[in-house]
Amino acid sequence: MILGINTEEVDGYFLLNGRLSYALPMLADGSEVFLALENLTNTDYEYRPDYPMPGTTAMLGVNLALR
């Protein structure tokens, strides 16, 4: 018995993602503040059939490294 095979296809799509970051060495090496942008072209697409993905999204965050 074979389980988990997906034979359904979705249309092709083009995505453009970006990430800007600024190092924060005064906190610890490897620490940064960042802005990540996903689906900059606002493409309407599905990862799997009937599983639509969001349009353009943004995330602002901080990565803190341990000393």
PDB file of N, CA and C in Angstrom:
ATOM      1  N   MET A   1       0.836  -1.168   0.000  1.00  0.00           N
ATOM      2  CA  MET A   1       0.000   0.000   0.000  1.00  0.00           C
ATOM      3  C   MET A   1       0.889   1.242   0.000  1.00  0.00           C
ATOM      4  N   ILE A   2       0.607   2.172  -0.910  1.00  0.00           N
ATOM      5  CA  ILE A   2       1.365   3.418  -1.018  1.00  0.00           C
ATOM      6  C   ILE A   2       0.470   4.569  -0.580  1.00  0.00           C
ATOM      7  N   LEU A   3       0.953   5.369   0.341  1.00  0.00           N
ATOM      8  CA  LEU A   3       0.193   6.511   0.850  1.00  0.00           C
ATOM      9  C   LEU A   3       0.929   7.815   0.563  1.00  0.00           C
ATOM     10  N   GLY A   4       0.189   8.891   0.444  1.00  0.00           N
ATOM     11  CA  GLY A   4       0.787  10.210   0.356  1.00  0.00           C
ATOM     12  C   GLY A   4       1.260  10.641  -1.017  1.00  0.00           C
ATOM     13  N   ILE A   5       0.847   9.957  -2.075  1.00  0.00           N
ATOM     14  CA  ILE A   5       1.253  10.381  -3.413  1.00  0.00           C
ATOM     15  C   ILE A   5       0.237  11.394  -3.932  1.00  0.00           C
ATOM     16  N   ASN A   6       0.725  12.547  -4.337  1.00  0.00           N
ATOM     17  CA  ASN A   6      -0.124  13.600  -4.859  1.00  0.00           C
ATOM     18  C   ASN A   6       0.042  13.655  -6.375  1.00  0.00           C
ATOM     19  N   THR A   7      -0.998  13.321  -7.090  1.00  0.00           N
ATOM     20  CA  THR A   7      -0.926  13.332  -8.559  1.00  0.00           C
ATOM     21  C   THR A   7      -1.595  14.558  -9.156  1.00  0.00           C
ATOM     22  N   GLU A   8      -2.178  15.422  -8.320  1.00  0.00           N
ATOM     23  CA  GLU A   8      -2.823  16.631  -8.816  1.00  0.00           C
ATOM     24  C   GLU A   8      -1.778  17.700  -9.122  1.00  0.00           C
ATOM     25  N   GLU A   9      -2.020  18.473 -10.169  1.00  0.00           N
ATOM     26  CA  GLU A   9      -1.087  19.532 -10.565  1.00  0.00           C
ATOM     27  C   GLU A   9      -1.727  20.898 -10.383  1.00  0.00           C
ATOM     28  N   VAL A  10      -0.887  21.898 -10.212  1.00  0.00           N
ATOM     29  CA  VAL A  10      -1.332  23.293 -10.165  1.00  0.00           C
ATOM     30  C   VAL A  10      -0.655  24.038 -11.308  1.00  0.00           C
ATOM     31  N   ASP A  11      -1.210  25.180 -11.673  1.00  0.00           N
ATOM     32  CA  ASP A  11      -0.608  26.004 -12.717  1.00  0.00           C
ATOM     33  C   ASP A  11       0.741  26.528 -12.262  1.00  0.00           C
ATOM     34  N   GLY A  12       1.612  26.808 -13.222  1.00  0.00           N
ATOM     35  CA  GLY A  12       2.899  27.406 -12.909  1.00  0.00           C
ATOM     36  C   GLY A  12       2.723  28.833 -12.409  1.00  0.00           C
ATOM     37  N   TYR A  13       3.705  29.332 -11.676  1.00  0.00           N
ATOM     38  CA  TYR A  13       3.638  30.694 -11.155  1.00  0.00           C
ATOM     39  C   TYR A  13       5.046  31.228 -10.943  1.00  0.00           C
ATOM     40  N   PHE A  14       5.151  32.555 -10.843  1.00  0.00           N
ATOM     41  CA  PHE A  14       6.418  33.241 -10.592  1.00  0.00           C
ATOM     42  C   PHE A  14       6.271  34.046  -9.316  1.00  0.00           C
ATOM     43  N   LEU A  15       7.179  33.834  -8.379  1.00  0.00           N
ATOM     44  CA  LEU A  15       7.170  34.588  -7.125  1.00  0.00           C
ATOM     45  C   LEU A  15       8.447  35.397  -7.004  1.00  0.00           C
ATOM     46  N   LEU A  16       8.335  36.552  -6.376  1.00  0.00           N
ATOM     47  CA  LEU A  16       9.491  37.385  -6.092  1.00  0.00           C
ATOM     48  C   LEU A  16       9.435  37.755  -4.614  1.00  0.00           C
ATOM     49  N   ASN A  17      10.441  37.325  -3.874  1.00  0.00           N
ATOM     50  CA  ASN A  17      10.541  37.617  -2.444  1.00  0.00           C
ATOM     51  C   ASN A  17      11.794  38.452  -2.198  1.00  0.00           C
ATOM     52  N   GLY A  18      11.814  39.193  -1.113  1.00  0.00           N
ATOM     53  CA  GLY A  18      12.989  39.990  -0.784  1.00  0.00           C
ATOM     54  C   GLY A  18      13.162  40.093   0.727  1.00  0.00           C
ATOM     55  N   ARG A  19      14.404  40.383   1.111  1.00  0.00           N
ATOM     56  CA  ARG A  19      14.699  40.524   2.543  1.00  0.00           C
ATOM     57  C   ARG A  19      15.792  41.568   2.711  1.00  0.00           C
ATOM     58  N   LEU A  20      15.542  42.547   3.565  1.00  0.00           N
ATOM     59  CA  LEU A  20      16.525  43.563   3.913  1.00  0.00           C
ATOM     60  C   LEU A  20      16.875  43.373   5.382  1.00  0.00           C
ATOM     61  N   SER A  21      18.148  43.509   5.702  1.00  0.00           N
ATOM     62  CA  SER A  21      18.540  43.370   7.102  1.00  0.00           C
ATOM     63  C   SER A  21      19.611  44.387   7.455  1.00  0.00           C
ATOM     64  N   TYR A  22      19.687  44.686   8.738  1.00  0.00           N
ATOM     65  CA  TYR A  22      20.677  45.614   9.259  1.00  0.00           C
ATOM     66  C   TYR A  22      21.314  44.951  10.475  1.00  0.00           C
ATOM     67  N   ALA A  23      22.626  44.783  10.425  1.00  0.00           N
ATOM     68  CA  ALA A  23      23.343  44.121  11.515  1.00  0.00           C
ATOM     69  C   ALA A  23      23.319  44.967  12.781  1.00  0.00           C
ATOM     70  N   LEU A  24      23.222  44.293  13.918  1.00  0.00           N
ATOM     71  CA  LEU A  24      23.244  44.938  15.229  1.00  0.00           C
ATOM     72  C   LEU A  24      24.391  44.355  16.053  1.00  0.00           C
ATOM     73  N   PRO A  25      25.642  44.643  15.658  1.00  0.00           N
ATOM     74  CA  PRO A  25      26.780  44.042  16.360  1.00  0.00           C
ATOM     75  C   PRO A  25      26.925  44.530  17.803  1.00  0.00           C
ATOM     76  N   MET A  26      26.294  45.662  18.145  1.00  0.00           N
ATOM     77  CA  MET A  26      26.387  46.154  19.512  1.00  0.00           C
ATOM     78  C   MET A  26      25.650  45.233  20.487  1.00  0.00           C
ATOM     79  N   LEU A  27      24.729  44.419  19.985  1.00  0.00           N
ATOM     80  CA  LEU A  27      24.037  43.445  20.834  1.00  0.00           C
ATOM     81  C   LEU A  27      24.831  42.145  20.915  1.00  0.00           C
ATOM     82  N   ALA A  28      25.168  41.593  19.750  1.00  0.00           N
ATOM     83  CA  ALA A  28      25.980  40.368  19.663  1.00  0.00           C
ATOM     84  C   ALA A  28      26.223  40.100  18.183  1.00  0.00           C
ATOM     85  N   ASP A  29      27.352  39.498  17.867  1.00  0.00           N
ATOM     86  CA  ASP A  29      27.622  39.144  16.477  1.00  0.00           C
ATOM     87  C   ASP A  29      26.503  38.235  15.971  1.00  0.00           C
ATOM     88  N   GLY A  30      25.972  38.543  14.797  1.00  0.00           N
ATOM     89  CA  GLY A  30      24.894  37.754  14.222  1.00  0.00           C
ATOM     90  C   GLY A  30      23.509  38.310  14.506  1.00  0.00           C
ATOM     91  N   SER A  31      23.399  39.320  15.358  1.00  0.00           N
ATOM     92  CA  SER A  31      22.095  39.930  15.633  1.00  0.00           C
ATOM     93  C   SER A  31      21.738  40.891  14.509  1.00  0.00           C
ATOM     94  N   GLU A  32      20.445  41.007  14.218  1.00  0.00           N
ATOM     95  CA  GLU A  32      20.003  41.870  13.124  1.00  0.00           C
ATOM     96  C   GLU A  32      18.543  42.234  13.281  1.00  0.00           C
ATOM     97  N   VAL A  33      18.155  43.309  12.639  1.00  0.00           N
ATOM     98  CA  VAL A  33      16.758  43.674  12.463  1.00  0.00           C
ATOM     99  C   VAL A  33      16.493  43.472  10.973  1.00  0.00           C
ATOM    100  N   PHE A  34      15.303  42.974  10.611  1.00  0.00           N
ATOM    101  CA  PHE A  34      15.054  42.672   9.206  1.00  0.00           C
ATOM    102  C   PHE A  34      13.625  42.986   8.787  1.00  0.00           C
ATOM    103  N   LEU A  35      13.466  43.147   7.478  1.00  0.00           N
ATOM    104  CA  LEU A  35      12.168  43.300   6.827  1.00  0.00           C
ATOM    105  C   LEU A  35      12.128  42.280   5.706  1.00  0.00           C
ATOM    106  N   ALA A  36      11.192  41.354   5.773  1.00  0.00           N
ATOM    107  CA  ALA A  36      11.034  40.339   4.732  1.00  0.00           C
ATOM    108  C   ALA A  36       9.731  40.596   3.992  1.00  0.00           C
ATOM    109  N   LEU A  37       9.789  40.590   2.675  1.00  0.00           N
ATOM    110  CA  LEU A  37       8.616  40.796   1.830  1.00  0.00           C
ATOM    111  C   LEU A  37       8.438  39.568   0.952  1.00  0.00           C
ATOM    112  N   GLU A  38       7.225  39.040   0.913  1.00  0.00           N
ATOM    113  CA  GLU A  38       6.950  37.850   0.129  1.00  0.00           C
ATOM    114  C   GLU A  38       5.866  38.136  -0.902  1.00  0.00           C
ATOM    115  N   ASN A  39       5.974  37.478  -2.039  1.00  0.00           N
ATOM    116  CA  ASN A  39       5.033  37.610  -3.160  1.00  0.00           C
ATOM    117  C   ASN A  39       4.890  39.076  -3.580  1.00  0.00           C
ATOM    118  N   LEU A  40       6.012  39.699  -3.863  1.00  0.00           N
ATOM    119  CA  LEU A  40       6.019  41.111  -4.256  1.00  0.00           C
ATOM    120  C   LEU A  40       5.227  41.385  -5.530  1.00  0.00           C
ATOM    121  N   THR A  41       5.068  40.392  -6.381  1.00  0.00           N
ATOM    122  CA  THR A  41       4.304  40.558  -7.628  1.00  0.00           C
ATOM    123  C   THR A  41       2.807  40.331  -7.406  1.00  0.00           C
ATOM    124  N   ASN A  42       2.418  40.032  -6.159  1.00  0.00           N
ATOM    125  CA  ASN A  42       1.022  39.796  -5.788  1.00  0.00           C
ATOM    126  C   ASN A  42       0.378  38.732  -6.686  1.00  0.00           C
ATOM    127  N   THR A  43       1.142  37.680  -6.968  1.00  0.00           N
ATOM    128  CA  THR A  43       0.688  36.595  -7.836  1.00  0.00           C
ATOM    129  C   THR A  43      -0.418  35.796  -7.159  1.00  0.00           C
ATOM    130  N   ASP A  44      -1.465  35.477  -7.917  1.00  0.00           N
ATOM    131  CA  ASP A  44      -2.553  34.630  -7.447  1.00  0.00           C
ATOM    132  C   ASP A  44      -2.175  33.193  -7.777  1.00  0.00           C
ATOM    133  N   TYR A  45      -1.813  32.387  -6.749  1.00  0.00           N
ATOM    134  CA  TYR A  45      -1.353  31.026  -7.006  1.00  0.00           C
ATOM    135  C   TYR A  45      -1.791  30.083  -5.905  1.00  0.00           C
ATOM    136  N   GLU A  46      -1.655  28.791  -6.192  1.00  0.00           N
ATOM    137  CA  GLU A  46      -1.987  27.749  -5.229  1.00  0.00           C
ATOM    138  C   GLU A  46      -0.776  26.855  -5.035  1.00  0.00           C
ATOM    139  N   TYR A  47      -0.453  26.539  -3.800  1.00  0.00           N
ATOM    140  CA  TYR A  47       0.634  25.611  -3.481  1.00  0.00           C
ATOM    141  C   TYR A  47       0.201  24.190  -3.804  1.00  0.00           C
ATOM    142  N   ARG A  48      -1.049  23.890  -3.492  1.00  0.00           N
ATOM    143  CA  ARG A  48      -1.699  22.628  -3.834  1.00  0.00           C
ATOM    144  C   ARG A  48      -3.090  22.971  -4.327  1.00  0.00           C
ATOM    145  N   PRO A  49      -3.744  22.101  -5.076  1.00  0.00           N
ATOM    146  CA  PRO A  49      -5.108  22.403  -5.531  1.00  0.00           C
ATOM    147  C   PRO A  49      -6.018  22.766  -4.355  1.00  0.00           C
ATOM    148  N   ASP A  50      -6.789  23.829  -4.527  1.00  0.00           N
ATOM    149  CA  ASP A  50      -7.715  24.335  -3.505  1.00  0.00           C
ATOM    150  C   ASP A  50      -7.018  24.789  -2.224  1.00  0.00           C
ATOM    151  N   TYR A  51      -5.741  25.183  -2.324  1.00  0.00           N
ATOM    152  CA  TYR A  51      -4.984  25.702  -1.189  1.00  0.00           C
ATOM    153  C   TYR A  51      -4.343  27.018  -1.624  1.00  0.00           C
ATOM    154  N   PRO A  52      -5.153  28.091  -1.726  1.00  0.00           N
ATOM    155  CA  PRO A  52      -4.628  29.371  -2.218  1.00  0.00           C
ATOM    156  C   PRO A  52      -3.645  30.002  -1.242  1.00  0.00           C
ATOM    157  N   MET A  53      -2.644  30.659  -1.781  1.00  0.00           N
ATOM    158  CA  MET A  53      -1.632  31.327  -0.982  1.00  0.00           C
ATOM    159  C   MET A  53      -1.947  32.826  -0.909  1.00  0.00           C
ATOM    160  N   PRO A  54      -1.435  33.510   0.119  1.00  0.00           N
ATOM    161  CA  PRO A  54      -1.746  34.929   0.285  1.00  0.00           C
ATOM    162  C   PRO A  54      -1.047  35.804  -0.749  1.00  0.00           C
ATOM    163  N   GLY A  55      -1.556  37.007  -0.893  1.00  0.00           N
ATOM    164  CA  GLY A  55      -0.908  37.990  -1.753  1.00  0.00           C
ATOM    165  C   GLY A  55       0.349  38.516  -1.079  1.00  0.00           C
ATOM    166  N   THR A  56       0.721  39.731  -1.387  1.00  0.00           N
ATOM    167  CA  THR A  56       1.929  40.330  -0.825  1.00  0.00           C
ATOM    168  C   THR A  56       1.832  40.403   0.698  1.00  0.00           C
ATOM    169  N   THR A  57       2.887  39.940   1.370  1.00  0.00           N
ATOM    170  CA  THR A  57       2.934  39.998   2.830  1.00  0.00           C
ATOM    171  C   THR A  57       4.282  40.570   3.269  1.00  0.00           C
ATOM    172  N   ALA A  58       4.315  41.152   4.460  1.00  0.00           N
ATOM    173  CA  ALA A  58       5.541  41.722   5.015  1.00  0.00           C
ATOM    174  C   ALA A  58       5.712  41.241   6.452  1.00  0.00           C
ATOM    175  N   MET A  59       6.977  41.088   6.840  1.00  0.00           N
ATOM    176  CA  MET A  59       7.286  40.681   8.205  1.00  0.00           C
ATOM    177  C   MET A  59       8.480  41.498   8.685  1.00  0.00           C
ATOM    178  N   LEU A  60       8.356  42.127   9.826  1.00  0.00           N
ATOM    179  CA  LEU A  60       9.420  42.888  10.445  1.00  0.00           C
ATOM    180  C   LEU A  60       9.835  42.122  11.695  1.00  0.00           C
ATOM    181  N   GLY A  61      11.138  41.935  11.869  1.00  0.00           N
ATOM    182  CA  GLY A  61      11.560  41.161  13.016  1.00  0.00           C
ATOM    183  C   GLY A  61      12.979  41.447  13.444  1.00  0.00           C
ATOM    184  N   VAL A  62      13.373  40.791  14.514  1.00  0.00           N
ATOM    185  CA  VAL A  62      14.716  40.920  15.068  1.00  0.00           C
ATOM    186  C   VAL A  62      15.239  39.518  15.349  1.00  0.00           C
ATOM    187  N   ASN A  63      16.466  39.243  14.921  1.00  0.00           N
ATOM    188  CA  ASN A  63      17.177  38.027  15.292  1.00  0.00           C
ATOM    189  C   ASN A  63      18.221  38.411  16.311  1.00  0.00           C
ATOM    190  N   LEU A  64      18.163  37.806  17.475  1.00  0.00           N
ATOM    191  CA  LEU A  64      19.135  38.087  18.520  1.00  0.00           C
ATOM    192  C   LEU A  64      20.033  36.857  18.691  1.00  0.00           C
ATOM    193  N   ALA A  65      21.307  37.053  18.573  1.00  0.00           N
ATOM    194  CA  ALA A  65      22.265  35.968  18.759  1.00  0.00           C
ATOM    195  C   ALA A  65      22.681  35.916  20.223  1.00  0.00           C
ATOM    196  N   LEU A  66      22.968  34.730  20.692  1.00  0.00           N
ATOM    197  CA  LEU A  66      23.463  34.574  22.056  1.00  0.00           C
ATOM    198  C   LEU A  66      24.975  34.726  22.070  1.00  0.00           C
ATOM    199  N   ARG A  67      25.468  35.357  23.071  1.00  0.00           N
ATOM    200  CA  ARG A  67      26.919  35.539  23.174  1.00  0.00           C
ATOM    201  C   ARG A  67      27.578  34.280  23.657  1.00  0.00           C
TER     202      ARG A  67
END
